Protein backbone atom coordinates (compact mmCIF):
# COMPACT_ATOMS: atom_id res chain seq x y z
CA MET A 1 -93.07 -10.65 -143.65
CA ILE A 2 -89.55 -11.27 -142.50
CA VAL A 3 -89.77 -8.39 -140.00
CA ALA A 4 -93.00 -9.78 -138.60
CA GLU A 5 -91.42 -13.21 -138.16
CA ILE A 6 -88.44 -11.67 -136.37
CA LEU A 7 -90.69 -9.71 -134.01
CA THR A 8 -92.76 -12.80 -133.31
CA ALA A 9 -89.65 -14.83 -132.52
CA ALA A 10 -88.29 -12.09 -130.25
CA ALA A 11 -91.59 -11.88 -128.40
CA GLY A 12 -91.54 -15.63 -127.91
CA ALA A 13 -88.00 -15.50 -126.53
CA VAL A 14 -88.94 -12.74 -124.09
CA ALA A 15 -92.00 -14.66 -122.98
CA ALA A 16 -89.90 -17.77 -122.42
CA ALA A 17 -87.28 -15.82 -120.45
CA ALA A 18 -89.81 -14.09 -118.20
CA PRO A 19 -90.43 -17.07 -115.86
CA ALA A 20 -86.67 -17.59 -115.48
CA ALA A 21 -86.13 -13.92 -114.62
CA LEU A 22 -88.99 -14.02 -112.12
CA LEU A 23 -87.56 -17.16 -110.54
CA LEU A 24 -84.14 -15.50 -110.27
CA ARG A 25 -85.64 -12.45 -108.54
CA ARG A 26 -87.47 -14.70 -106.10
CA MET A 27 -84.27 -16.60 -105.35
CA HIS A 28 -82.44 -13.34 -104.62
CA ALA A 29 -85.29 -12.19 -102.35
CA ASP A 30 -85.28 -15.52 -100.48
CA LEU A 31 -81.50 -15.31 -100.06
CA ASP A 32 -81.73 -11.77 -98.67
CA ALA A 33 -84.47 -12.86 -96.27
CA ALA A 34 -82.36 -15.81 -95.10
CA ARG A 35 -79.35 -13.57 -94.53
CA THR A 36 -81.48 -11.13 -92.53
CA ALA A 37 -82.94 -13.95 -90.45
CA CYS A 38 -79.45 -15.30 -89.70
CA ALA A 39 -78.22 -11.85 -88.66
CA VAL A 40 -81.22 -11.40 -86.36
CA ALA A 41 -80.69 -14.86 -84.87
CA ARG A 42 -77.00 -14.14 -84.22
CA HIS A 43 -77.88 -10.82 -82.58
CA ASP A 44 -80.60 -12.37 -80.42
CA ALA A 45 -78.28 -15.19 -79.34
CA ALA A 46 -75.77 -12.68 -77.96
CA HIS A 47 -78.11 -10.03 -76.51
CA ASP A 48 -80.47 -9.83 -73.56
CA ARG A 49 -84.09 -9.56 -74.65
CA LEU A 50 -85.18 -7.22 -71.84
CA THR A 51 -82.36 -4.67 -71.75
CA GLY A 52 -80.85 -5.03 -75.21
CA LEU A 53 -77.39 -5.38 -73.68
CA VAL A 54 -74.96 -8.14 -74.51
CA ASN A 55 -76.05 -11.27 -72.64
CA ARG A 56 -73.97 -13.82 -70.74
CA ALA A 57 -72.97 -15.64 -73.93
CA GLY A 58 -71.85 -12.38 -75.53
CA LEU A 59 -69.94 -11.44 -72.39
CA GLU A 60 -68.14 -14.78 -72.41
CA THR A 61 -66.98 -14.03 -75.96
CA ALA A 62 -65.72 -10.59 -74.92
CA LEU A 63 -63.99 -12.02 -71.85
CA ASN A 64 -62.19 -14.67 -73.88
CA GLU A 65 -61.10 -12.07 -76.44
CA ARG A 66 -59.63 -9.85 -73.70
CA ALA A 67 -57.93 -12.80 -72.04
CA ASP A 68 -56.29 -13.80 -75.33
CA ASN A 69 -55.11 -10.41 -76.60
CA GLY A 70 -52.04 -10.21 -74.34
CA ARG A 71 -52.84 -6.77 -72.89
CA PRO A 72 -54.03 -5.54 -69.47
CA TRP A 73 -57.78 -5.25 -69.13
CA SER A 74 -60.37 -4.46 -66.49
CA LEU A 75 -63.46 -6.18 -65.22
CA ILE A 76 -66.22 -4.09 -63.63
CA MET A 77 -69.07 -5.96 -61.96
CA VAL A 78 -72.20 -4.01 -61.03
CA ASP A 79 -74.81 -5.47 -58.68
CA LEU A 80 -77.90 -3.41 -57.82
CA ASP A 81 -78.44 -3.02 -54.07
CA ASP A 82 -81.69 -4.33 -52.53
CA PHE A 83 -83.27 -4.85 -55.95
CA LYS A 84 -85.66 -7.41 -54.48
CA GLN A 85 -87.36 -4.61 -52.55
CA VAL A 86 -88.30 -2.93 -55.83
CA ASN A 87 -90.02 -6.10 -57.04
CA ASP A 88 -91.69 -6.68 -53.67
CA THR A 89 -92.90 -3.09 -53.31
CA PHE A 90 -93.83 -2.06 -56.86
CA GLY A 91 -94.11 -5.37 -58.74
CA HIS A 92 -92.01 -7.17 -61.31
CA ALA A 93 -93.00 -4.82 -64.13
CA ALA A 94 -91.45 -1.96 -62.17
CA GLY A 95 -88.41 -4.13 -61.54
CA ASP A 96 -88.05 -4.62 -65.29
CA GLU A 97 -88.26 -0.85 -65.77
CA VAL A 98 -85.44 -0.37 -63.29
CA LEU A 99 -83.29 -2.97 -65.05
CA VAL A 100 -83.88 -1.34 -68.44
CA GLU A 101 -83.04 2.11 -67.07
CA ALA A 102 -79.95 0.81 -65.27
CA ALA A 103 -78.82 -0.79 -68.53
CA ARG A 104 -79.37 2.49 -70.39
CA ARG A 105 -77.34 4.45 -67.84
CA LEU A 106 -74.49 1.97 -67.91
CA SER A 107 -74.47 2.04 -71.70
CA MET A 108 -74.29 5.84 -71.61
CA ALA A 109 -71.52 5.77 -69.01
CA PHE A 110 -69.31 3.66 -71.27
CA ALA A 111 -70.59 4.89 -74.64
CA GLU A 112 -67.35 6.62 -75.61
CA THR A 113 -64.92 3.99 -74.35
CA GLY A 114 -65.76 1.06 -76.61
CA ASP A 115 -66.05 -1.20 -73.56
CA VAL A 116 -68.49 -4.12 -73.63
CA VAL A 117 -71.46 -3.64 -71.28
CA GLY A 118 -73.66 -6.65 -70.65
CA ARG A 119 -76.25 -8.17 -68.36
CA PHE A 120 -74.58 -10.99 -66.47
CA GLY A 121 -77.83 -12.24 -64.98
CA GLY A 122 -80.67 -11.00 -62.78
CA ASP A 123 -79.75 -7.56 -61.44
CA GLU A 124 -76.06 -8.00 -62.15
CA PHE A 125 -74.17 -6.31 -64.98
CA LEU A 126 -70.63 -6.70 -66.25
CA VAL A 127 -68.33 -4.32 -68.09
CA VAL A 128 -65.34 -5.75 -69.96
CA ALA A 129 -62.89 -2.92 -70.53
CA ASP A 130 -59.44 -2.34 -71.94
CA SER A 131 -56.89 -0.90 -69.50
CA PRO A 132 -54.06 1.50 -70.29
CA GLU A 133 -50.70 -0.24 -70.37
CA HIS A 134 -48.79 2.67 -68.82
CA GLN A 135 -48.86 3.42 -65.11
CA ALA A 136 -49.82 7.09 -65.48
CA SER A 137 -53.30 6.18 -66.74
CA SER A 138 -54.06 3.37 -64.32
CA LEU A 139 -56.73 5.51 -62.64
CA VAL A 140 -58.84 5.38 -65.82
CA PRO A 141 -60.72 2.17 -64.82
CA TRP A 142 -61.46 3.71 -61.40
CA MET A 143 -62.86 6.85 -62.99
CA ARG A 144 -65.03 4.85 -65.40
CA ALA A 145 -66.41 2.66 -62.63
CA LEU A 146 -67.11 5.67 -60.39
CA HIS A 147 -68.92 7.40 -63.25
CA ALA A 148 -71.19 4.37 -63.62
CA LEU A 149 -71.76 4.18 -59.86
CA LYS A 150 -72.84 7.82 -59.66
CA ALA A 151 -75.05 7.55 -62.75
CA LEU A 152 -76.96 4.61 -61.29
CA ARG A 153 -77.76 6.28 -57.98
CA GLN A 154 -79.78 9.07 -59.58
CA PRO A 155 -83.56 8.73 -58.95
CA MET A 156 -85.63 6.84 -61.53
CA GLU A 157 -89.17 7.77 -62.57
CA LEU A 158 -91.40 4.73 -63.11
CA GLU A 159 -94.40 4.62 -65.45
CA SER A 160 -96.59 4.19 -62.38
CA GLY A 161 -95.52 7.64 -61.21
CA HIS A 162 -93.40 6.31 -58.38
CA ARG A 163 -89.86 7.56 -57.94
CA VAL A 164 -87.21 5.11 -56.81
CA THR A 165 -83.52 5.41 -56.08
CA VAL A 166 -81.48 2.30 -56.72
CA THR A 167 -77.82 2.17 -55.77
CA ALA A 168 -75.22 -0.43 -56.69
CA SER A 169 -72.18 -2.20 -55.35
CA VAL A 170 -69.42 -2.08 -57.96
CA GLY A 171 -66.43 -4.42 -58.01
CA LEU A 172 -63.33 -3.61 -60.04
CA VAL A 173 -60.49 -5.93 -61.00
CA GLN A 174 -57.56 -4.74 -63.09
CA VAL A 175 -56.25 -7.83 -64.81
CA LEU A 176 -52.79 -8.58 -66.15
CA PRO A 177 -52.47 -10.47 -69.46
CA ASP A 178 -51.54 -13.84 -67.94
CA ALA A 179 -54.23 -13.82 -65.24
CA SER A 180 -56.80 -16.57 -64.86
CA LEU A 181 -60.19 -15.55 -66.25
CA ARG A 182 -61.99 -17.59 -63.60
CA ARG A 183 -60.04 -15.93 -60.80
CA ALA A 184 -60.71 -12.49 -62.25
CA LEU A 185 -64.47 -13.14 -62.22
CA ARG A 186 -64.31 -14.58 -58.72
CA SER A 187 -62.34 -11.56 -57.50
CA ALA A 188 -64.82 -9.12 -59.06
CA ASP A 189 -67.63 -10.99 -57.34
CA MET A 190 -65.76 -10.82 -54.03
CA ALA A 191 -65.28 -7.07 -54.47
CA VAL A 192 -69.04 -6.66 -54.95
CA TYR A 193 -69.64 -8.75 -51.84
CA ARG A 194 -67.27 -6.56 -49.82
CA GLY A 195 -69.13 -3.49 -51.04
CA LYS A 196 -72.47 -4.90 -49.95
CA VAL A 197 -71.08 -5.84 -46.53
CA ARG A 198 -70.05 -2.20 -46.12
CA GLY A 199 -73.58 -1.06 -46.93
CA GLY A 200 -73.55 -0.90 -50.73
CA ASN A 201 -73.49 2.18 -52.94
CA GLN A 202 -69.72 2.06 -53.39
CA LEU A 203 -66.83 0.90 -55.53
CA VAL A 204 -64.39 -1.72 -54.30
CA GLU A 205 -61.28 -2.97 -56.07
CA TYR A 206 -60.21 -6.51 -55.34
CA GLY A 207 -56.66 -7.22 -56.47
CA LEU A 208 -55.62 -10.65 -57.60
CA PRO A 209 -52.68 -11.89 -55.47
CA GLY A 210 -49.54 -10.12 -56.64
CA GLU A 211 -51.27 -8.22 -59.42
CA LEU A 212 -52.45 -5.13 -57.59
CA ALA A 213 -48.89 -4.39 -56.51
CA ALA A 214 -47.66 -4.91 -60.06
CA LEU A 215 -50.17 -2.43 -61.43
CA GLU A 216 -49.82 0.16 -58.68
CA PRO A 217 -46.93 -0.32 -56.21
CA GLU A 218 -47.95 2.76 -54.18
CA ARG A 219 -51.59 3.73 -54.29
CA PRO A 220 -52.95 4.96 -50.94
CA VAL A 221 -56.72 4.88 -50.87
CA ALA A 222 -56.90 8.35 -49.32
CA ARG A 223 -54.94 9.76 -52.24
CA LEU A 224 -57.23 7.99 -54.71
CA ARG A 225 -60.28 9.49 -53.04
CA GLU A 226 -58.71 12.92 -53.30
CA MET A 227 -57.78 12.50 -56.98
CA THR A 228 -61.12 11.05 -58.08
CA GLY A 229 -63.43 13.04 -55.80
CA ALA A 230 -64.94 9.75 -54.70
CA GLY A 231 -65.37 10.60 -51.03
CA ARG A 232 -66.47 7.49 -49.17
CA ASP A 233 -67.40 5.65 -52.38
CA LEU A 234 -63.96 4.18 -52.83
CA TRP A 235 -62.29 1.24 -51.12
CA ALA A 236 -59.29 -0.91 -52.00
CA VAL A 237 -59.16 -4.50 -50.86
CA ARG A 238 -55.77 -6.19 -51.01
CA ARG A 239 -54.82 -9.80 -50.50
């Protein structure tokens, strides 16, 4: 009799605890779902929906981090040449394909460097990169930018069956720690503009006043072309 009473009491306790345990499991599930939703929202807020690259907001975060870390860094701006012709000739869906493929190629070009690759807007991309602090490796940003330039110019196969070749004008700025972020962006944009004036499909460095000399006192463009194998892709613009 006593055993039966004990078993009955235990069963009652278990039955009473069951709703509480179920409620606790539901609370944990809701918390996990909320955490996942927050993580997705944070990712979406910092990434471009079409290409999957970091978007302008994410790039601004990366730019501010580089500007505050007290080390040299590089800014590489990539603007596709005559992209409007792709949209006009093949349609906007084809244009989106080109943007996605360009983003993929840029991501691959900088996959091993840890640099931040993002879509700055429209057909313009931005790479925020660390620069070596010692003079002997100051060609590294040039080599990275040239690698991206050459990767982009390879023909692209569209889903429609058409084959298009899209080139880019690439602007490079090597930035010293105390440089103005706004001026660095403006200089990169000017370098891209100079490249387009020269016909596109090339890399141009635009030095901030006084900074190019500080990074490389003697850097003849002809010697750079020889060292990098850039041919006519490479120009240096000094102010």
